[in-house]
Amino acid sequence: MQANEQGVREPGRRRHQAIPRTLIFVTSTHPDTGSQEVLLIKGAASKRLWANRYNGLGGHVEAHEDVLAAAQRELAEETGLTPRLTLRGVISIDTGVDEQGPRPGVLVFVFVAQSEQRAVHVSHEGRPEWLPVDALAEFPLVDDLYDVIPRALGDGPIFFGHYSPQPDGSLAYRFHDSPAR
């Protein structure tokens, strides 16, 4: 199909549009304790979103990139790591409507990797830190990660999620394998 045959501008019909993003969880075994750790990034205090909270690595997909290339680029920029990535999930986020109609949503491609290399560098996004997987409840994570990380690091099939806006502005999380939260 041609670029103009993709059906994104049909007269009289406004289709849902989504901005693609990547979310990456890299795991490693702690050399002293043997426990599994996951690399998360603590948002810089100056960040507009998720300041001083832990999030996965990743970010936006540029127009010239596929989602895997974007994930590899984001991981290298934010940490210096270049392990092999595996797609583990896809999350569709409905961001609601405003006075102009439906806002573009977000489509998140969740990747995982295992790394023997543990040395990472700090970026303008924040400070990457290795956190013990079995103690994540003790850390201030971006709120959906408490649900996403176990699915991403699990050994089941690829998972699918949908977040929908609530009247109070929060998002309700629904995953293919569970009821709405």
Protein backbone atom coordinates (compact mmCIF):
# COMPACT_ATOMS: atom_id res chain seq x y z
CA MET A 1 0.00 0.00 0.00
CA GLN A 2 1.03 3.56 -0.60
CA ALA A 3 1.56 6.03 2.25
CA ASN A 4 -1.63 7.85 1.30
CA GLU A 5 -3.61 4.58 1.39
CA GLN A 6 -3.22 3.98 5.13
CA GLY A 7 -6.71 5.28 5.99
CA VAL A 8 -5.70 7.85 8.59
CA ARG A 9 -7.70 10.74 7.10
CA GLU A 10 -11.02 9.39 5.97
CA PRO A 11 -13.58 12.17 5.33
CA GLY A 12 -16.12 12.45 8.16
CA ARG A 13 -14.34 9.92 10.37
CA ARG A 14 -11.75 10.54 13.02
CA ARG A 15 -9.82 7.41 13.86
CA HIS A 16 -7.94 6.84 17.09
CA GLN A 17 -4.33 7.86 16.67
CA ALA A 18 -1.46 6.85 18.90
CA ILE A 19 2.06 8.04 19.60
CA PRO A 20 4.48 5.09 19.82
CA ARG A 21 6.83 4.77 22.79
CA THR A 22 9.16 2.16 24.20
CA LEU A 23 9.54 0.88 27.76
CA ILE A 24 12.53 -1.30 28.63
CA PHE A 25 13.40 -3.45 31.65
CA VAL A 26 16.94 -4.82 31.84
CA THR A 27 17.68 -7.48 34.44
CA SER A 28 20.94 -8.68 35.90
CA THR A 29 22.12 -10.90 38.72
CA HIS A 30 23.74 -9.03 41.61
CA PRO A 31 27.36 -10.26 41.78
CA ASP A 32 27.44 -10.52 45.59
CA THR A 33 23.94 -11.63 46.57
CA GLY A 34 22.91 -13.57 43.46
CA SER A 35 19.51 -11.85 43.56
CA GLN A 36 17.76 -10.66 40.42
CA GLU A 37 17.79 -6.91 39.89
CA VAL A 38 16.08 -4.68 37.36
CA LEU A 39 17.52 -1.47 35.99
CA LEU A 40 15.16 1.46 36.46
CA ILE A 41 15.79 5.15 36.06
CA LYS A 42 15.09 7.59 38.88
CA GLY A 43 13.63 10.71 37.35
CA ALA A 44 15.62 13.85 37.87
CA ALA A 45 14.11 16.25 40.41
CA SER A 46 13.69 18.78 37.59
CA LYS A 47 11.59 16.46 35.39
CA ARG A 48 8.07 17.64 34.62
CA LEU A 49 6.77 14.07 34.81
CA TRP A 50 7.74 11.35 37.33
CA ALA A 51 10.32 13.47 39.18
CA ASN A 52 12.06 11.47 41.95
CA ARG A 53 10.18 8.29 40.99
CA TYR A 54 11.52 5.20 39.25
CA ASN A 55 10.45 4.35 35.71
CA GLY A 56 11.56 1.92 33.07
CA LEU A 57 13.99 3.06 30.43
CA GLY A 58 12.86 4.09 26.96
CA GLY A 59 11.00 6.89 25.27
CA HIS A 60 9.57 8.12 22.00
CA VAL A 61 9.86 6.42 18.62
CA GLU A 62 11.14 8.79 15.95
CA ALA A 63 9.38 8.83 12.54
CA HIS A 64 12.36 7.19 10.80
CA GLU A 65 12.65 4.32 13.35
CA ASP A 66 10.95 1.01 13.94
CA VAL A 67 10.10 0.29 17.60
CA LEU A 68 13.05 -2.04 18.15
CA ALA A 69 15.55 0.49 16.77
CA ALA A 70 13.99 3.17 19.00
CA ALA A 71 14.26 0.94 22.07
CA GLN A 72 17.90 0.13 21.30
CA ARG A 73 18.69 3.82 20.80
CA GLU A 74 16.91 4.91 23.98
CA LEU A 75 18.62 2.21 26.07
CA ALA A 76 22.07 3.14 24.75
CA GLU A 77 21.42 6.87 25.30
CA GLU A 78 20.10 6.44 28.84
CA THR A 79 22.53 3.79 30.12
CA GLY A 80 25.23 2.91 27.60
CA LEU A 81 23.99 -0.71 27.55
CA THR A 82 23.36 -2.60 24.30
CA PRO A 83 21.92 -6.04 25.20
CA ARG A 84 19.59 -8.00 22.93
CA LEU A 85 15.99 -6.86 23.46
CA THR A 86 12.86 -9.02 23.39
CA LEU A 87 9.31 -7.71 23.00
CA ARG A 88 7.22 -8.71 26.05
CA GLY A 89 4.09 -6.58 25.85
CA VAL A 90 2.04 -3.86 24.21
CA ILE A 91 0.00 -1.30 26.14
CA SER A 92 -2.56 1.01 24.54
CA ILE A 93 -3.25 4.21 26.49
CA ASP A 94 -6.43 6.19 25.82
CA THR A 95 -5.68 9.79 26.82
CA GLY A 96 -9.29 10.97 26.58
CA VAL A 97 -10.86 13.90 24.78
CA ASP A 98 -10.58 17.66 24.95
CA GLU A 99 -12.42 20.55 23.28
CA GLN A 100 -10.92 19.55 19.91
CA GLY A 101 -12.03 15.93 20.15
CA PRO A 102 -10.13 12.72 20.89
CA ARG A 103 -6.51 13.32 21.90
CA PRO A 104 -3.87 11.04 20.42
CA GLY A 105 -3.27 8.00 22.59
CA VAL A 106 -0.01 6.29 23.37
CA LEU A 107 1.06 2.83 22.23
CA VAL A 108 3.81 1.44 24.48
CA PHE A 109 6.02 -1.42 23.31
CA VAL A 110 7.51 -3.16 26.36
CA PHE A 111 10.92 -4.81 25.94
CA VAL A 112 13.13 -6.83 28.28
CA ALA A 113 16.78 -7.80 28.24
CA GLN A 114 19.33 -9.60 30.38
CA SER A 115 22.73 -7.96 30.88
CA GLU A 116 25.98 -9.17 32.35
CA GLN A 117 27.32 -5.63 32.12
CA ARG A 118 26.17 -3.54 35.10
CA ALA A 119 28.11 -0.29 34.68
CA VAL A 120 25.80 2.43 33.37
CA HIS A 121 26.03 6.15 32.82
CA VAL A 122 23.72 8.95 33.96
CA SER A 123 21.74 10.92 31.37
CA HIS A 124 19.64 14.07 31.44
CA GLU A 125 16.62 11.80 31.99
CA GLY A 126 17.84 10.71 35.41
CA ARG A 127 20.03 8.21 37.23
CA PRO A 128 19.77 4.50 36.30
CA GLU A 129 19.82 2.23 39.35
CA TRP A 130 19.78 -1.54 39.81
CA LEU A 131 16.92 -2.41 42.18
CA PRO A 132 16.15 -5.84 43.68
CA VAL A 133 13.12 -7.30 41.92
CA ASP A 134 11.79 -8.85 45.12
CA ALA A 135 11.80 -5.45 46.91
CA LEU A 136 10.24 -3.19 44.26
CA ALA A 137 7.19 -2.51 46.47
CA GLU A 138 9.52 -0.54 48.76
CA PHE A 139 10.47 1.98 46.05
CA PRO A 140 8.50 4.93 44.64
CA LEU A 141 7.76 3.61 41.17
CA VAL A 142 5.65 5.22 38.47
CA ASP A 143 2.29 3.77 39.52
CA ASP A 144 1.62 1.38 36.62
CA LEU A 145 5.00 -0.35 36.99
CA TYR A 146 3.77 -2.33 39.99
CA ASP A 147 1.48 -4.12 37.49
CA VAL A 148 3.70 -4.01 34.39
CA ILE A 149 7.04 -5.27 35.75
CA PRO A 150 5.78 -8.68 36.94
CA ARG A 151 4.19 -9.26 33.54
CA ALA A 152 7.27 -8.07 31.64
CA LEU A 153 9.68 -10.16 33.70
CA GLY A 154 7.41 -13.20 33.83
CA ASP A 155 7.73 -16.11 31.46
CA GLY A 156 4.19 -16.15 30.07
CA PRO A 157 3.18 -15.10 26.58
CA ILE A 158 3.34 -11.51 25.37
CA PHE A 159 0.91 -9.43 27.44
CA PHE A 160 -1.48 -6.73 26.30
CA GLY A 161 -2.79 -3.82 28.35
CA HIS A 162 -5.20 -0.96 27.95
CA TYR A 163 -5.30 2.14 30.14
CA SER A 164 -8.45 4.25 30.09
CA PRO A 165 -9.06 7.71 31.56
CA GLN A 166 -11.27 8.07 34.62
CA PRO A 167 -13.37 11.11 35.63
CA ASP A 168 -10.78 12.12 38.26
CA GLY A 169 -8.01 12.20 35.64
CA SER A 170 -6.38 8.94 36.73
CA LEU A 171 -6.02 5.93 34.46
CA ALA A 172 -7.61 2.52 35.02
CA TYR A 173 -5.34 -0.35 34.03
CA ARG A 174 -6.68 -3.47 32.37
CA PHE A 175 -4.51 -6.31 31.20
CA HIS A 176 -5.57 -9.14 28.94
CA ASP A 177 -5.16 -11.57 31.82
CA SER A 178 -6.87 -9.57 34.59
CA PRO A 179 -9.92 -7.41 35.38
CA ALA A 180 -9.71 -3.60 35.53
CA ARG A 181 -7.88 -2.18 38.50
